[in-house]
Amino acid sequence: MFRARADDPVREVEIGGSILISNALALRDAARAGMGAALLADWLIDRDLEDGKLVDLLPAWDCTATEFDTSAFILYPSRTYLPQKTRVMIDFLKERLK
């Protein structure tokens, strides 16, 4: 999903390719190796952008993946007893990864 400004309509762009990578670190490595464009979290590639290892192809656009398998999930044993450190980490990730 792409949009240039918050008030712009959302545009969906179907992406295809011959390589399937389900790990963000492996996808980043593939992009670094010049294997093609990748949609990655900014916190994961900030340093690569600063160092010139990767280039932001759509700097004026907000982009997000829209498929179920591109989401992040947190698994923990029980909601009945949720350790404070787990709650703090969940809240941190929700805020950081919006």
C-alpha atoms as a PDB file:
ATOM      1  CA  MET A   1       0.000   0.000   0.000  1.00  0.00           C
ATOM      2  CA  PHE A   2       1.415   3.386  -0.970  1.00  0.00           C
ATOM      3  CA  ARG A   3       0.421   6.973  -0.368  1.00  0.00           C
ATOM      4  CA  ALA A   4       2.404  10.189  -0.806  1.00  0.00           C
ATOM      5  CA  ARG A   5       0.551  12.147   1.903  1.00  0.00           C
ATOM      6  CA  ALA A   6      -1.874  11.186   4.645  1.00  0.00           C
ATOM      7  CA  ASP A   7      -4.802  12.742   2.767  1.00  0.00           C
ATOM      8  CA  ASP A   8      -3.964  11.017  -0.554  1.00  0.00           C
ATOM      9  CA  PRO A   9      -5.893   7.922  -1.624  1.00  0.00           C
ATOM     10  CA  VAL A  10      -4.240   4.585  -0.921  1.00  0.00           C
ATOM     11  CA  ARG A  11      -2.784   2.832  -3.959  1.00  0.00           C
ATOM     12  CA  GLU A  12      -2.120  -0.882  -3.948  1.00  0.00           C
ATOM     13  CA  VAL A  13       0.659  -2.195  -6.154  1.00  0.00           C
ATOM     14  CA  GLU A  14       0.941  -5.905  -6.842  1.00  0.00           C
ATOM     15  CA  ILE A  15       4.528  -7.106  -6.576  1.00  0.00           C
ATOM     16  CA  GLY A  16       5.926 -10.258  -8.113  1.00  0.00           C
ATOM     17  CA  GLY A  17       9.271 -11.961  -8.494  1.00  0.00           C
ATOM     18  CA  SER A  18      11.056 -15.262  -8.760  1.00  0.00           C
ATOM     19  CA  ILE A  19      12.561 -15.313  -5.259  1.00  0.00           C
ATOM     20  CA  LEU A  20      10.572 -15.931  -2.074  1.00  0.00           C
ATOM     21  CA  ILE A  21      12.245 -14.880   1.188  1.00  0.00           C
ATOM     22  CA  SER A  22      10.339 -14.951   4.474  1.00  0.00           C
ATOM     23  CA  ASN A  23      13.057 -13.614   6.787  1.00  0.00           C
ATOM     24  CA  ALA A  24      13.608  -9.857   7.033  1.00  0.00           C
ATOM     25  CA  LEU A  25      17.354 -10.193   7.613  1.00  0.00           C
ATOM     26  CA  ALA A  26      17.749 -12.461   4.575  1.00  0.00           C
ATOM     27  CA  LEU A  27      15.620 -10.049   2.540  1.00  0.00           C
ATOM     28  CA  ARG A  28      17.843  -7.165   3.617  1.00  0.00           C
ATOM     29  CA  ASP A  29      20.924  -9.172   2.607  1.00  0.00           C
ATOM     30  CA  ALA A  30      19.375  -9.906  -0.794  1.00  0.00           C
ATOM     31  CA  ALA A  31      18.639  -6.207  -1.329  1.00  0.00           C
ATOM     32  CA  ARG A  32      22.208  -5.336  -0.307  1.00  0.00           C
ATOM     33  CA  ALA A  33      23.457  -7.876  -2.850  1.00  0.00           C
ATOM     34  CA  GLY A  34      21.518  -6.097  -5.597  1.00  0.00           C
ATOM     35  CA  MET A  35      18.906  -8.811  -6.083  1.00  0.00           C
ATOM     36  CA  GLY A  36      16.042  -6.314  -6.249  1.00  0.00           C
ATOM     37  CA  ALA A  37      13.870  -3.931  -4.290  1.00  0.00           C
ATOM     38  CA  ALA A  38      12.556  -4.837  -0.838  1.00  0.00           C
ATOM     39  CA  LEU A  39       9.967  -3.427   1.543  1.00  0.00           C
ATOM     40  CA  LEU A  40      11.667  -3.421   4.942  1.00  0.00           C
ATOM     41  CA  ALA A  41      11.126  -1.688   8.263  1.00  0.00           C
ATOM     42  CA  ASP A  42      12.973   1.612   8.510  1.00  0.00           C
ATOM     43  CA  TRP A  43      14.497   0.658  11.874  1.00  0.00           C
ATOM     44  CA  LEU A  44      16.065  -2.393  10.217  1.00  0.00           C
ATOM     45  CA  ILE A  45      17.731  -0.511   7.360  1.00  0.00           C
ATOM     46  CA  ASP A  46      18.419   2.971   8.822  1.00  0.00           C
ATOM     47  CA  ARG A  47      22.144   2.307   9.028  1.00  0.00           C
ATOM     48  CA  ASP A  48      22.225   0.793   5.514  1.00  0.00           C
ATOM     49  CA  LEU A  49      20.564   3.938   4.147  1.00  0.00           C
ATOM     50  CA  GLU A  50      23.024   6.176   5.991  1.00  0.00           C
ATOM     51  CA  ASP A  51      26.006   4.123   4.765  1.00  0.00           C
ATOM     52  CA  GLY A  52      24.724   4.100   1.170  1.00  0.00           C
ATOM     53  CA  LYS A  53      24.374   0.294   1.096  1.00  0.00           C
ATOM     54  CA  LEU A  54      20.676   0.712   0.291  1.00  0.00           C
ATOM     55  CA  VAL A  55      18.694   3.487  -1.396  1.00  0.00           C
ATOM     56  CA  ASP A  56      15.151   4.600  -0.543  1.00  0.00           C
ATOM     57  CA  LEU A  57      13.316   4.197  -3.854  1.00  0.00           C
ATOM     58  CA  LEU A  58      10.151   5.993  -2.716  1.00  0.00           C
ATOM     59  CA  PRO A  59      11.250   8.656  -0.202  1.00  0.00           C
ATOM     60  CA  ALA A  60       8.120  10.787  -0.584  1.00  0.00           C
ATOM     61  CA  TRP A  61       5.762   7.840  -0.034  1.00  0.00           C
ATOM     62  CA  ASP A  62       4.496   6.004   3.047  1.00  0.00           C
ATOM     63  CA  CYS A  63       4.528   2.280   2.315  1.00  0.00           C
ATOM     64  CA  THR A  64       3.160  -0.723   4.167  1.00  0.00           C
ATOM     65  CA  ALA A  65       2.642  -4.377   3.429  1.00  0.00           C
ATOM     66  CA  THR A  66      -0.999  -5.410   3.314  1.00  0.00           C
ATOM     67  CA  GLU A  67      -0.847  -9.204   3.416  1.00  0.00           C
ATOM     68  CA  PHE A  68      -1.380 -11.359   6.493  1.00  0.00           C
ATOM     69  CA  ASP A  69       2.001 -13.075   6.169  1.00  0.00           C
ATOM     70  CA  THR A  70       3.867  -9.740   6.354  1.00  0.00           C
ATOM     71  CA  SER A  71       2.562  -8.963   9.846  1.00  0.00           C
ATOM     72  CA  ALA A  72       4.444  -9.302  13.119  1.00  0.00           C
ATOM     73  CA  PHE A  73       3.142 -11.563  15.872  1.00  0.00           C
ATOM     74  CA  ILE A  74       4.082 -11.957  19.525  1.00  0.00           C
ATOM     75  CA  LEU A  75       3.528 -15.342  21.136  1.00  0.00           C
ATOM     76  CA  TYR A  76       3.523 -15.880  24.884  1.00  0.00           C
ATOM     77  CA  PRO A  77       2.158 -18.680  27.089  1.00  0.00           C
ATOM     78  CA  SER A  78      -0.818 -17.062  28.803  1.00  0.00           C
ATOM     79  CA  ARG A  79      -2.730 -13.841  29.274  1.00  0.00           C
ATOM     80  CA  THR A  80      -3.697 -14.951  32.769  1.00  0.00           C
ATOM     81  CA  TYR A  81      -0.204 -14.281  34.053  1.00  0.00           C
ATOM     82  CA  LEU A  82       1.703 -11.819  31.902  1.00  0.00           C
ATOM     83  CA  PRO A  83       5.085 -10.877  33.379  1.00  0.00           C
ATOM     84  CA  GLN A  84       5.704  -7.130  33.574  1.00  0.00           C
ATOM     85  CA  LYS A  85       8.783  -7.408  31.331  1.00  0.00           C
ATOM     86  CA  THR A  86       6.646  -9.096  28.654  1.00  0.00           C
ATOM     87  CA  ARG A  87       3.999  -6.338  28.866  1.00  0.00           C
ATOM     88  CA  VAL A  88       6.708  -3.646  28.645  1.00  0.00           C
ATOM     89  CA  MET A  89       8.236  -5.335  25.579  1.00  0.00           C
ATOM     90  CA  ILE A  90       4.852  -5.693  23.855  1.00  0.00           C
ATOM     91  CA  ASP A  91       4.052  -2.023  24.486  1.00  0.00           C
ATOM     92  CA  PHE A  92       7.505  -0.986  23.230  1.00  0.00           C
ATOM     93  CA  LEU A  93       7.176  -3.006  20.022  1.00  0.00           C
ATOM     94  CA  LYS A  94       3.642  -1.746  19.352  1.00  0.00           C
ATOM     95  CA  GLU A  95       4.822   1.837  19.711  1.00  0.00           C
ATOM     96  CA  ARG A  96       8.032   1.355  17.738  1.00  0.00           C
ATOM     97  CA  LEU A  97       6.602  -0.742  14.880  1.00  0.00           C
ATOM     98  CA  LYS A  98       3.206   0.935  14.440  1.00  0.00           C
END
